[in-house]
Amino acid sequence: MSSDSTIAESVTERFGSTSYLVRTKLLRLFGGAFHIYDANGKLVLYSEQKRFKLKEDIRLYSDESKQEELLKISTQSIFDIAGAYDVQDSTTGERLGTLKRAGLSSTFVRDQWEIMDSDGNAVGSIQEDSMLKALVRRFIENASFFLPQKYHATIGGELVANYRQKFNPIILKLVVDFSPDQESRFDRRLGLAAAVLLNVVEGRQD
């Protein structure tokens, strides 16, 4: 079996699930650890993220040993509020796309991200569920206890994924559901990278 075939099978197995659970555990003052599980409870991605970094460079590995790097999320700009994050497959060097945050509106109104393909073309978006709920979460202390965050991802105007937070004061859980994406328009690798960014970037507002 060729190495290309082996890589293709590994990608299909690891990123072929319709649902995932992103489990984020705070590591004292040092940041957080991300465990991403498929629908069968199998660990498919792992990452550790340090706090207080001016420039994001997130590496996602196959397991906690961090011996096999699978995805890389990086940004070139340090002080850009509307940060653009490139997502790359570390095993092939393939650029999967870019996730761009909607600047001030995402900070003060509701979270919104633009999904861009590998050529830099805008193809979709990820948006917090409603403006009213978003404002309540921002301006009422502890609102997330009874209004956990929800996001909807669309490609070409069609729903392709839902992100739903399950609140826990110590361990943040985010359920990612790709079942609406019947035509596989949203690359699971890019979709899971988005889930990590929703925790890393938007989570700093809490």
N, C-alpha and C. Protein backbone atom coordinates (compact mmCIF):
# COMPACT_ATOMS: atom_id res chain seq x y z
N MET A 1 0.84 -1.20 0.00
CA MET A 1 0.00 0.00 0.00
C MET A 1 0.88 1.25 0.00
N SER A 2 0.59 2.22 -0.85
CA SER A 2 1.39 3.42 -0.95
C SER A 2 1.17 4.32 0.26
N SER A 3 2.16 5.21 0.50
CA SER A 3 2.03 6.13 1.64
C SER A 3 0.84 7.07 1.45
N ASP A 4 0.55 7.47 0.20
CA ASP A 4 -0.59 8.35 -0.08
C ASP A 4 -1.90 7.68 0.29
N SER A 5 -2.00 6.38 -0.01
CA SER A 5 -3.21 5.62 0.32
C SER A 5 -3.37 5.51 1.82
N THR A 6 -2.25 5.30 2.51
CA THR A 6 -2.29 5.18 3.97
C THR A 6 -2.75 6.49 4.60
N ILE A 7 -2.23 7.62 4.10
CA ILE A 7 -2.63 8.93 4.62
C ILE A 7 -4.11 9.18 4.37
N ALA A 8 -4.58 8.81 3.15
CA ALA A 8 -5.98 9.02 2.79
C ALA A 8 -6.91 8.22 3.71
N GLU A 9 -6.52 6.97 3.99
CA GLU A 9 -7.34 6.13 4.87
C GLU A 9 -7.35 6.69 6.29
N SER A 10 -6.19 7.19 6.75
CA SER A 10 -6.10 7.76 8.09
C SER A 10 -6.99 8.99 8.22
N VAL A 11 -6.99 9.85 7.20
CA VAL A 11 -7.83 11.05 7.20
C VAL A 11 -9.30 10.68 7.23
N THR A 12 -9.67 9.68 6.40
CA THR A 12 -11.07 9.25 6.34
C THR A 12 -11.54 8.71 7.68
N GLU A 13 -10.69 7.90 8.32
CA GLU A 13 -11.06 7.31 9.60
C GLU A 13 -11.14 8.36 10.71
N ARG A 14 -10.15 9.23 10.77
CA ARG A 14 -10.07 10.21 11.85
C ARG A 14 -11.06 11.36 11.69
N PHE A 15 -11.29 11.77 10.44
CA PHE A 15 -12.13 12.93 10.19
C PHE A 15 -13.42 12.58 9.44
N GLY A 16 -13.86 11.34 9.57
CA GLY A 16 -15.06 10.92 8.87
C GLY A 16 -16.31 10.87 9.73
N SER A 17 -16.19 11.27 10.99
CA SER A 17 -17.34 11.22 11.90
C SER A 17 -18.27 12.40 11.65
N THR A 18 -19.54 12.21 11.97
CA THR A 18 -20.51 13.31 11.81
C THR A 18 -20.61 14.17 13.06
N SER A 19 -20.06 13.70 14.18
CA SER A 19 -20.10 14.50 15.40
C SER A 19 -18.82 14.32 16.20
N TYR A 20 -18.46 15.37 16.94
CA TYR A 20 -17.24 15.36 17.75
C TYR A 20 -17.51 16.10 19.06
N LEU A 21 -16.69 15.80 20.05
CA LEU A 21 -16.74 16.50 21.33
C LEU A 21 -15.37 17.12 21.57
N VAL A 22 -15.35 18.43 21.73
CA VAL A 22 -14.12 19.15 22.05
C VAL A 22 -14.14 19.42 23.55
N ARG A 23 -13.18 18.86 24.24
CA ARG A 23 -13.13 18.97 25.70
C ARG A 23 -11.91 19.81 26.06
N THR A 24 -12.15 20.96 26.69
CA THR A 24 -11.07 21.89 27.02
C THR A 24 -10.92 21.97 28.53
N LYS A 25 -9.74 21.61 29.01
CA LYS A 25 -9.46 21.64 30.44
C LYS A 25 -8.43 22.72 30.73
N LEU A 26 -8.74 23.59 31.69
CA LEU A 26 -7.81 24.65 32.06
C LEU A 26 -6.61 24.07 32.78
N LEU A 27 -5.41 24.56 32.41
CA LEU A 27 -4.17 24.10 33.04
C LEU A 27 -3.59 25.21 33.92
N ARG A 28 -4.24 25.47 35.03
CA ARG A 28 -3.80 26.49 35.97
C ARG A 28 -3.55 27.80 35.24
N LEU A 29 -2.37 28.37 35.39
CA LEU A 29 -2.08 29.66 34.75
C LEU A 29 -1.46 29.49 33.36
N PHE A 30 -1.29 28.25 32.94
CA PHE A 30 -0.50 28.02 31.72
C PHE A 30 -1.35 27.92 30.46
N GLY A 31 -2.65 27.81 30.58
CA GLY A 31 -3.47 27.72 29.39
C GLY A 31 -4.46 26.58 29.46
N GLY A 32 -4.65 25.90 28.33
CA GLY A 32 -5.63 24.84 28.29
C GLY A 32 -5.18 23.66 27.45
N ALA A 33 -5.77 22.50 27.72
CA ALA A 33 -5.51 21.30 26.94
C ALA A 33 -6.79 20.93 26.20
N PHE A 34 -6.67 20.63 24.91
CA PHE A 34 -7.82 20.30 24.09
C PHE A 34 -7.80 18.82 23.72
N HIS A 35 -8.88 18.13 24.05
CA HIS A 35 -9.07 16.75 23.62
C HIS A 35 -10.27 16.73 22.69
N ILE A 36 -10.11 16.19 21.50
CA ILE A 36 -11.22 16.10 20.55
C ILE A 36 -11.52 14.63 20.28
N TYR A 37 -12.77 14.24 20.55
CA TYR A 37 -13.19 12.85 20.41
C TYR A 37 -14.23 12.72 19.30
N ASP A 38 -14.22 11.57 18.61
CA ASP A 38 -15.24 11.33 17.58
C ASP A 38 -16.50 10.78 18.22
N ALA A 39 -17.47 10.40 17.40
CA ALA A 39 -18.76 9.93 17.91
C ALA A 39 -18.64 8.65 18.72
N ASN A 40 -17.56 7.88 18.52
CA ASN A 40 -17.35 6.63 19.25
C ASN A 40 -16.50 6.83 20.51
N GLY A 41 -16.19 8.08 20.82
CA GLY A 41 -15.41 8.35 22.01
C GLY A 41 -13.91 8.17 21.82
N LYS A 42 -13.46 8.05 20.58
CA LYS A 42 -12.04 7.85 20.29
C LYS A 42 -11.34 9.20 20.16
N LEU A 43 -10.18 9.35 20.81
CA LEU A 43 -9.41 10.58 20.71
C LEU A 43 -8.84 10.72 19.31
N VAL A 44 -9.14 11.83 18.64
CA VAL A 44 -8.65 12.04 17.27
C VAL A 44 -7.67 13.20 17.18
N LEU A 45 -7.74 14.16 18.12
CA LEU A 45 -6.83 15.30 18.12
C LEU A 45 -6.55 15.74 19.55
N TYR A 46 -5.33 16.23 19.76
CA TYR A 46 -4.95 16.74 21.08
C TYR A 46 -4.06 17.95 20.90
N SER A 47 -4.23 18.95 21.78
CA SER A 47 -3.39 20.14 21.72
C SER A 47 -3.29 20.78 23.10
N GLU A 48 -2.19 21.48 23.32
CA GLU A 48 -2.01 22.30 24.52
C GLU A 48 -1.77 23.72 24.06
N GLN A 49 -2.47 24.67 24.67
CA GLN A 49 -2.37 26.07 24.26
C GLN A 49 -1.95 26.92 25.45
N LYS A 50 -0.84 27.64 25.31
CA LYS A 50 -0.39 28.52 26.38
C LYS A 50 -1.15 29.85 26.33
N ARG A 51 -1.32 30.45 27.48
CA ARG A 51 -1.98 31.75 27.57
C ARG A 51 -0.99 32.88 27.26
N PHE A 52 -1.56 34.05 27.00
CA PHE A 52 -0.80 35.28 26.85
C PHE A 52 0.18 35.24 25.68
N LYS A 53 -0.21 34.58 24.60
CA LYS A 53 0.63 34.56 23.41
C LYS A 53 0.18 35.67 22.45
N LEU A 54 1.12 36.49 21.99
CA LEU A 54 0.77 37.55 21.06
C LEU A 54 0.48 37.00 19.67
N LYS A 55 1.16 35.93 19.31
CA LYS A 55 0.97 35.35 18.00
C LYS A 55 0.55 33.89 18.15
N GLU A 56 -0.64 33.56 17.62
CA GLU A 56 -1.14 32.20 17.77
C GLU A 56 -0.38 31.23 16.87
N ASP A 57 -0.06 30.09 17.41
CA ASP A 57 0.53 29.00 16.64
C ASP A 57 0.09 27.72 17.33
N ILE A 58 -1.03 27.19 16.90
CA ILE A 58 -1.64 26.04 17.56
C ILE A 58 -1.34 24.77 16.76
N ARG A 59 -0.78 23.79 17.43
CA ARG A 59 -0.50 22.50 16.79
C ARG A 59 -1.43 21.45 17.38
N LEU A 60 -2.04 20.66 16.49
CA LEU A 60 -2.92 19.60 16.94
C LEU A 60 -2.30 18.26 16.57
N TYR A 61 -2.24 17.37 17.56
CA TYR A 61 -1.57 16.09 17.41
C TYR A 61 -2.56 14.93 17.46
N SER A 62 -2.06 13.75 17.10
CA SER A 62 -2.93 12.56 17.07
C SER A 62 -3.28 12.09 18.48
N ASP A 63 -2.40 12.35 19.46
CA ASP A 63 -2.68 11.94 20.85
C ASP A 63 -1.82 12.76 21.80
N GLU A 64 -1.88 12.42 23.09
CA GLU A 64 -1.21 13.21 24.12
C GLU A 64 0.31 13.11 24.07
N SER A 65 0.84 12.11 23.36
CA SER A 65 2.30 11.98 23.26
C SER A 65 2.90 13.09 22.40
N LYS A 66 2.08 13.71 21.56
CA LYS A 66 2.49 14.81 20.67
C LYS A 66 3.62 14.41 19.72
N GLN A 67 3.63 13.15 19.33
CA GLN A 67 4.65 12.66 18.41
C GLN A 67 4.26 12.86 16.95
N GLU A 68 2.95 12.88 16.68
CA GLU A 68 2.48 13.02 15.30
C GLU A 68 1.61 14.27 15.17
N GLU A 69 2.14 15.29 14.51
CA GLU A 69 1.40 16.53 14.30
C GLU A 69 0.50 16.37 13.08
N LEU A 70 -0.78 16.71 13.24
CA LEU A 70 -1.74 16.53 12.16
C LEU A 70 -2.22 17.85 11.56
N LEU A 71 -2.46 18.86 12.40
CA LEU A 71 -2.97 20.14 11.92
C LEU A 71 -2.20 21.29 12.55
N LYS A 72 -2.09 22.37 11.81
CA LYS A 72 -1.46 23.58 12.31
C LYS A 72 -2.37 24.77 12.05
N ILE A 73 -2.59 25.58 13.09
CA ILE A 73 -3.38 26.81 12.98
C ILE A 73 -2.45 27.98 13.29
N SER A 74 -2.33 28.91 12.39
CA SER A 74 -1.40 30.01 12.63
C SER A 74 -1.92 31.31 12.04
N THR A 75 -1.43 32.43 12.60
CA THR A 75 -1.77 33.74 12.09
C THR A 75 -0.50 34.56 11.96
N GLN A 76 -0.44 35.39 10.94
CA GLN A 76 0.76 36.20 10.73
C GLN A 76 0.69 37.52 11.48
N SER A 77 -0.51 37.99 11.76
CA SER A 77 -0.68 39.30 12.38
C SER A 77 -0.78 39.18 13.89
N ILE A 78 -0.15 40.11 14.59
CA ILE A 78 -0.17 40.10 16.05
C ILE A 78 -1.28 40.99 16.61
N PHE A 79 -1.45 42.17 16.03
CA PHE A 79 -2.37 43.15 16.59
C PHE A 79 -3.62 43.36 15.75
N ASP A 80 -3.92 42.45 14.86
CA ASP A 80 -5.09 42.56 14.01
C ASP A 80 -6.31 42.01 14.74
N ILE A 81 -7.28 42.89 15.05
CA ILE A 81 -8.48 42.45 15.77
C ILE A 81 -9.25 41.43 14.95
N ALA A 82 -9.37 41.68 13.66
CA ALA A 82 -10.04 40.73 12.77
C ALA A 82 -9.00 39.73 12.29
N GLY A 83 -8.53 38.90 13.20
CA GLY A 83 -7.45 37.97 12.89
C GLY A 83 -7.85 36.93 11.85
N ALA A 84 -6.92 36.64 10.94
CA ALA A 84 -7.12 35.60 9.94
C ALA A 84 -6.21 34.43 10.31
N TYR A 85 -6.79 33.24 10.48
CA TYR A 85 -6.06 32.07 10.93
C TYR A 85 -6.00 31.03 9.81
N ASP A 86 -4.78 30.74 9.35
CA ASP A 86 -4.59 29.74 8.31
C ASP A 86 -4.58 28.35 8.93
N VAL A 87 -5.22 27.41 8.28
CA VAL A 87 -5.27 26.03 8.76
C VAL A 87 -4.58 25.14 7.73
N GLN A 88 -3.62 24.37 8.19
CA GLN A 88 -2.80 23.54 7.31
C GLN A 88 -2.77 22.10 7.79
N ASP A 89 -2.82 21.16 6.85
CA ASP A 89 -2.63 19.75 7.16
C ASP A 89 -1.13 19.52 7.30
N SER A 90 -0.67 19.21 8.49
CA SER A 90 0.76 19.08 8.75
C SER A 90 1.38 17.86 8.09
N THR A 91 0.58 16.85 7.79
CA THR A 91 1.13 15.63 7.19
C THR A 91 1.39 15.77 5.70
N THR A 92 0.65 16.65 5.04
CA THR A 92 0.81 16.82 3.59
C THR A 92 1.28 18.21 3.19
N GLY A 93 1.17 19.18 4.11
CA GLY A 93 1.51 20.55 3.79
C GLY A 93 0.37 21.28 3.10
N GLU A 94 -0.77 20.61 2.92
CA GLU A 94 -1.91 21.20 2.22
C GLU A 94 -2.55 22.32 3.05
N ARG A 95 -2.77 23.45 2.40
CA ARG A 95 -3.50 24.53 3.05
C ARG A 95 -4.99 24.25 2.90
N LEU A 96 -5.67 24.11 4.04
CA LEU A 96 -7.08 23.72 4.01
C LEU A 96 -8.02 24.91 3.88
N GLY A 97 -7.57 26.06 4.34
CA GLY A 97 -8.41 27.25 4.28
C GLY A 97 -8.03 28.24 5.36
N THR A 98 -8.82 29.28 5.49
CA THR A 98 -8.56 30.33 6.47
C THR A 98 -9.86 30.66 7.20
N LEU A 99 -9.74 30.92 8.49
CA LEU A 99 -10.87 31.32 9.31
C LEU A 99 -10.59 32.74 9.80
N LYS A 100 -11.45 33.68 9.42
CA LYS A 100 -11.21 35.09 9.72
C LYS A 100 -12.29 35.62 10.65
N ARG A 101 -11.87 36.17 11.77
CA ARG A 101 -12.78 36.71 12.77
C ARG A 101 -13.30 38.08 12.32
N ALA A 102 -14.57 38.34 12.65
CA ALA A 102 -15.22 39.56 12.18
C ALA A 102 -14.96 40.77 13.07
N GLY A 103 -13.74 40.93 13.51
CA GLY A 103 -13.29 42.13 14.20
C GLY A 103 -14.15 42.61 15.35
N LEU A 104 -14.43 43.92 15.37
CA LEU A 104 -15.14 44.55 16.48
C LEU A 104 -16.55 44.02 16.68
N SER A 105 -17.22 43.67 15.58
CA SER A 105 -18.59 43.15 15.72
C SER A 105 -18.58 41.83 16.48
N SER A 106 -17.52 41.04 16.29
CA SER A 106 -17.42 39.77 16.99
C SER A 106 -17.09 39.98 18.46
N THR A 107 -16.45 41.10 18.76
CA THR A 107 -16.07 41.39 20.14
C THR A 107 -17.24 41.94 20.95
N PHE A 108 -18.00 42.88 20.34
CA PHE A 108 -19.01 43.61 21.11
C PHE A 108 -20.46 43.21 20.80
N VAL A 109 -20.72 42.56 19.69
CA VAL A 109 -22.10 42.22 19.34
C VAL A 109 -22.33 40.72 19.44
N ARG A 110 -21.89 39.98 18.45
CA ARG A 110 -21.93 38.53 18.54
C ARG A 110 -20.82 37.93 17.70
N ASP A 111 -20.37 36.77 18.10
CA ASP A 111 -19.24 36.12 17.44
C ASP A 111 -19.58 35.77 16.00
N GLN A 112 -18.68 36.10 15.10
CA GLN A 112 -18.87 35.76 13.69
C GLN A 112 -17.51 35.56 13.03
N TRP A 113 -17.42 34.51 12.23
CA TRP A 113 -16.19 34.17 11.52
C TRP A 113 -16.50 33.94 10.05
N GLU A 114 -15.55 34.30 9.21
CA GLU A 114 -15.67 34.06 7.77
C GLU A 114 -14.86 32.82 7.42
N ILE A 115 -15.45 31.93 6.64
CA ILE A 115 -14.76 30.72 6.19
C ILE A 115 -14.24 30.98 4.78
N MET A 116 -12.93 30.79 4.59
CA MET A 116 -12.31 31.01 3.29
C MET A 116 -11.66 29.72 2.81
N ASP A 117 -11.71 29.47 1.50
CA ASP A 117 -11.11 28.26 0.96
C ASP A 117 -9.60 28.41 0.83
N SER A 118 -8.94 27.41 0.26
CA SER A 118 -7.48 27.40 0.18
C SER A 118 -6.94 28.50 -0.71
N ASP A 119 -7.78 29.07 -1.58
CA ASP A 119 -7.36 30.15 -2.46
C ASP A 119 -7.68 31.53 -1.89
N GLY A 120 -8.25 31.56 -0.68
CA GLY A 120 -8.57 32.84 -0.05
C GLY A 120 -9.93 33.39 -0.41
N ASN A 121 -10.77 32.58 -1.04
CA ASN A 121 -12.11 33.02 -1.41
C ASN A 121 -13.10 32.78 -0.27
N ALA A 122 -13.92 33.77 0.03
CA ALA A 122 -14.95 33.62 1.07
C ALA A 122 -16.02 32.66 0.58
N VAL A 123 -16.26 31.60 1.36
CA VAL A 123 -17.24 30.59 0.95
C VAL A 123 -18.35 30.38 1.98
N GLY A 124 -18.16 30.89 3.19
CA GLY A 124 -19.18 30.67 4.22
C GLY A 124 -18.89 31.44 5.48
N SER A 125 -19.62 31.10 6.54
CA SER A 125 -19.45 31.81 7.81
C SER A 125 -19.84 30.93 8.99
N ILE A 126 -19.35 31.33 10.16
CA ILE A 126 -19.75 30.72 11.43
C ILE A 126 -20.25 31.86 12.30
N GLN A 127 -21.48 31.73 12.81
CA GLN A 127 -22.09 32.84 13.54
C GLN A 127 -22.77 32.36 14.81
N GLU A 128 -22.64 33.17 15.86
CA GLU A 128 -23.33 32.90 17.12
C GLU A 128 -24.84 32.92 16.88
N ASP A 129 -25.58 32.13 17.68
CA ASP A 129 -26.97 31.82 17.40
C ASP A 129 -27.90 33.03 17.22
N SER A 130 -27.84 34.00 18.10
CA SER A 130 -28.72 35.17 17.95
C SER A 130 -28.09 36.38 18.59
N MET A 131 -28.38 37.56 18.07
CA MET A 131 -27.79 38.78 18.59
C MET A 131 -28.25 39.05 20.02
N LEU A 132 -29.54 38.81 20.30
CA LEU A 132 -30.06 39.06 21.64
C LEU A 132 -29.35 38.20 22.68
N LYS A 133 -29.26 36.90 22.41
CA LYS A 133 -28.60 36.00 23.36
C LYS A 133 -27.12 36.36 23.51
N ALA A 134 -26.50 36.74 22.40
CA ALA A 134 -25.08 37.12 22.44
C ALA A 134 -24.87 38.33 23.35
N LEU A 135 -25.74 39.33 23.24
CA LEU A 135 -25.63 40.52 24.07
C LEU A 135 -25.86 40.19 25.54
N VAL A 136 -26.82 39.31 25.81
CA VAL A 136 -27.09 38.90 27.19
C VAL A 136 -25.85 38.25 27.79
N ARG A 137 -25.20 37.36 27.01
CA ARG A 137 -24.00 36.67 27.49
C ARG A 137 -22.87 37.66 27.80
N ARG A 138 -22.79 38.72 27.01
CA ARG A 138 -21.69 39.67 27.18
C ARG A 138 -21.89 40.62 28.35
N PHE A 139 -23.13 40.98 28.62
CA PHE A 139 -23.36 42.05 29.59
C PHE A 139 -24.04 41.61 30.89
N ILE A 140 -24.43 40.35 30.98
CA ILE A 140 -25.00 39.84 32.24
C ILE A 140 -24.07 38.77 32.79
N GLU A 141 -23.56 39.02 33.96
CA GLU A 141 -22.60 38.11 34.57
C GLU A 141 -23.23 36.72 34.78
N ASN A 142 -22.45 35.69 34.45
CA ASN A 142 -22.84 34.28 34.60
C ASN A 142 -24.00 33.87 33.68
N ALA A 143 -24.27 34.67 32.65
CA ALA A 143 -25.36 34.33 31.73
C ALA A 143 -25.12 33.02 31.01
N SER A 144 -23.85 32.66 30.83
CA SER A 144 -23.53 31.43 30.11
C SER A 144 -24.01 30.19 30.85
N PHE A 145 -24.30 30.33 32.16
CA PHE A 145 -24.82 29.20 32.91
C PHE A 145 -26.15 28.73 32.33
N PHE A 146 -27.01 29.70 31.96
CA PHE A 146 -28.34 29.32 31.45
C PHE A 146 -28.50 29.58 29.95
N LEU A 147 -27.49 30.22 29.33
CA LEU A 147 -27.53 30.45 27.88
C LEU A 147 -26.19 30.05 27.26
N PRO A 148 -25.88 28.75 27.25
CA PRO A 148 -24.61 28.31 26.65
C PRO A 148 -24.55 28.70 25.17
N GLN A 149 -23.35 28.99 24.70
CA GLN A 149 -23.19 29.46 23.33
C GLN A 149 -23.50 28.39 22.29
N LYS A 150 -24.09 28.86 21.19
CA LYS A 150 -24.36 28.00 20.04
C LYS A 150 -23.94 28.76 18.78
N TYR A 151 -23.39 28.02 17.82
CA TYR A 151 -22.96 28.61 16.56
C TYR A 151 -23.49 27.77 15.40
N HIS A 152 -23.69 28.45 14.27
CA HIS A 152 -24.14 27.76 13.06
C HIS A 152 -23.16 28.08 11.95
N ALA A 153 -22.68 27.04 11.25
CA ALA A 153 -21.75 27.23 10.14
C ALA A 153 -22.49 26.99 8.83
N THR A 154 -22.28 27.89 7.88
CA THR A 154 -22.92 27.76 6.57
C THR A 154 -21.86 27.86 5.47
N ILE A 155 -22.08 27.12 4.40
CA ILE A 155 -21.26 27.19 3.19
C ILE A 155 -22.19 27.45 2.03
N GLY A 156 -21.96 28.54 1.30
CA GLY A 156 -22.84 28.87 0.19
C GLY A 156 -24.29 29.05 0.62
N GLY A 157 -24.48 29.52 1.85
CA GLY A 157 -25.84 29.75 2.35
C GLY A 157 -26.52 28.52 2.93
N GLU A 158 -25.86 27.36 2.87
CA GLU A 158 -26.44 26.12 3.36
C GLU A 158 -25.81 25.73 4.70
N LEU A 159 -26.65 25.31 5.66
CA LEU A 159 -26.16 24.88 6.96
C LEU A 159 -25.30 23.63 6.81
N VAL A 160 -24.07 23.66 7.39
CA VAL A 160 -23.18 22.51 7.28
C VAL A 160 -22.72 21.99 8.65
N ALA A 161 -22.90 22.79 9.70
CA ALA A 161 -22.46 22.33 11.02
C ALA A 161 -23.07 23.19 12.13
N ASN A 162 -23.22 22.57 13.29
CA ASN A 162 -23.66 23.27 14.49
C ASN A 162 -22.63 23.06 15.59
N TYR A 163 -22.37 24.11 16.36
CA TYR A 163 -21.46 24.04 17.50
C TYR A 163 -22.28 24.42 18.74
N ARG A 164 -22.24 23.55 19.74
CA ARG A 164 -23.07 23.79 20.93
C ARG A 164 -22.24 23.59 22.19
N GLN A 165 -22.17 24.63 23.00
CA GLN A 165 -21.40 24.58 24.24
C GLN A 165 -22.19 23.90 25.35
N LYS A 166 -21.50 23.05 26.10
CA LYS A 166 -22.08 22.43 27.30
C LYS A 166 -21.30 23.01 28.47
N PHE A 167 -21.96 23.87 29.24
CA PHE A 167 -21.22 24.64 30.25
C PHE A 167 -20.79 23.79 31.43
N ASN A 168 -19.53 24.03 31.83
CA ASN A 168 -18.95 23.44 33.02
C ASN A 168 -17.90 24.44 33.50
N PRO A 169 -17.87 24.81 34.78
CA PRO A 169 -16.94 25.84 35.24
C PRO A 169 -15.47 25.49 35.12
N ILE A 170 -15.15 24.21 35.01
CA ILE A 170 -13.75 23.78 34.94
C ILE A 170 -13.41 23.23 33.56
N ILE A 171 -14.27 22.39 33.03
CA ILE A 171 -14.02 21.76 31.74
C ILE A 171 -15.07 22.23 30.74
N LEU A 172 -14.63 22.94 29.72
CA LEU A 172 -15.54 23.43 28.68
C LEU A 172 -15.73 22.34 27.64
N LYS A 173 -16.99 22.04 27.32
CA LYS A 173 -17.28 21.03 26.32
C LYS A 173 -18.04 21.67 25.17
N LEU A 174 -17.59 21.39 23.96
CA LEU A 174 -18.23 21.93 22.77
C LEU A 174 -18.58 20.76 21.85
N VAL A 175 -19.86 20.58 21.58
CA VAL A 175 -20.32 19.51 20.70
C VAL A 175 -20.37 20.04 19.27
N VAL A 176 -19.72 19.34 18.36
CA VAL A 176 -19.68 19.74 16.95
C VAL A 176 -20.47 18.73 16.14
N ASP A 177 -21.49 19.20 15.44
CA ASP A 177 -22.39 18.32 14.68
C ASP A 177 -22.31 18.65 13.19
N PHE A 178 -21.74 17.72 12.42
CA PHE A 178 -21.63 17.91 10.97
C PHE A 178 -22.74 17.22 10.19
N SER A 179 -23.73 16.66 10.88
CA SER A 179 -24.77 15.89 10.20
C SER A 179 -25.57 16.69 9.15
N PRO A 180 -25.71 18.04 9.30
CA PRO A 180 -26.43 18.77 8.24
C PRO A 180 -25.67 18.80 6.91
N ASP A 181 -24.38 18.48 6.95
CA ASP A 181 -23.53 18.58 5.76
C ASP A 181 -23.60 17.29 4.95
N GLN A 182 -24.71 17.06 4.29
CA GLN A 182 -24.94 15.83 3.55
C GLN A 182 -24.01 15.68 2.34
N GLU A 183 -23.54 16.79 1.79
CA GLU A 183 -22.69 16.74 0.59
C GLU A 183 -21.21 16.93 0.92
N SER A 184 -20.86 16.89 2.21
CA SER A 184 -19.46 17.01 2.65
C SER A 184 -18.78 18.25 2.06
N ARG A 185 -19.44 19.38 2.19
CA ARG A 185 -18.90 20.64 1.66
C ARG A 185 -17.92 21.28 2.64
N PHE A 186 -18.04 20.95 3.91
CA PHE A 186 -17.20 21.55 4.95
C PHE A 186 -16.16 20.53 5.39
N ASP A 187 -14.90 20.78 5.05
CA ASP A 187 -13.81 19.88 5.43
C ASP A 187 -13.80 19.74 6.95
N ARG A 188 -13.89 18.50 7.43
CA ARG A 188 -13.95 18.26 8.88
C ARG A 188 -12.72 18.82 9.58
N ARG A 189 -11.57 18.78 8.94
CA ARG A 189 -10.35 19.31 9.56
C ARG A 189 -10.47 20.81 9.79
N LEU A 190 -11.01 21.52 8.81
CA LEU A 190 -11.22 22.96 8.95
C LEU A 190 -12.30 23.25 9.99
N GLY A 191 -13.33 22.41 10.01
CA GLY A 191 -14.41 22.58 10.96
C GLY A 191 -13.97 22.36 12.39
N LEU A 192 -13.06 21.41 12.62
CA LEU A 192 -12.56 21.16 13.96
C LEU A 192 -11.56 22.24 14.38
N ALA A 193 -10.81 22.74 13.43
CA ALA A 193 -9.92 23.87 13.72
C ALA A 193 -10.75 25.07 14.18
N ALA A 194 -11.90 25.26 13.55
CA ALA A 194 -12.80 26.34 13.95
C ALA A 194 -13.28 26.15 15.38
N ALA A 195 -13.57 24.91 15.76
CA ALA A 195 -14.01 24.62 17.12
C ALA A 195 -12.95 25.00 18.14
N VAL A 196 -11.69 24.71 17.81
CA VAL A 196 -10.59 25.08 18.71
C VAL A 196 -10.47 26.60 18.83
N LEU A 197 -10.60 27.30 17.71
CA LEU A 197 -10.50 28.75 17.73
C LEU A 197 -11.65 29.39 18.51
N LEU A 198 -12.83 28.80 18.42
CA LEU A 198 -13.95 29.34 19.18
C LEU A 198 -13.66 29.28 20.68
N ASN A 199 -12.92 28.25 21.10
CA ASN A 199 -12.54 28.15 22.51
C ASN A 199 -11.37 29.07 22.85
N VAL A 200 -10.35 29.09 22.00
CA VAL A 200 -9.13 29.85 22.29
C VAL A 200 -9.35 31.35 22.19
N VAL A 201 -9.96 31.79 21.10
CA VAL A 201 -10.11 33.23 20.83
C VAL A 201 -11.34 33.81 21.51
N GLU A 202 -12.51 33.26 21.23
CA GLU A 202 -13.74 33.80 21.81
C GLU A 202 -13.81 33.55 23.29
N GLY A 203 -13.19 32.46 23.74
CA GLY A 203 -13.22 32.14 25.17
C GLY A 203 -12.54 33.16 26.04
N ARG A 204 -11.67 33.98 25.46
CA ARG A 204 -10.96 35.00 26.24
C ARG A 204 -11.89 36.13 26.67
N GLN A 205 -13.07 36.19 26.06
CA GLN A 205 -14.00 37.26 26.41
C GLN A 205 -14.75 36.96 27.69
N ASP A 206 -14.77 35.68 28.10
CA ASP A 206 -15.59 35.29 29.24
C ASP A 206 -15.01 35.81 30.56
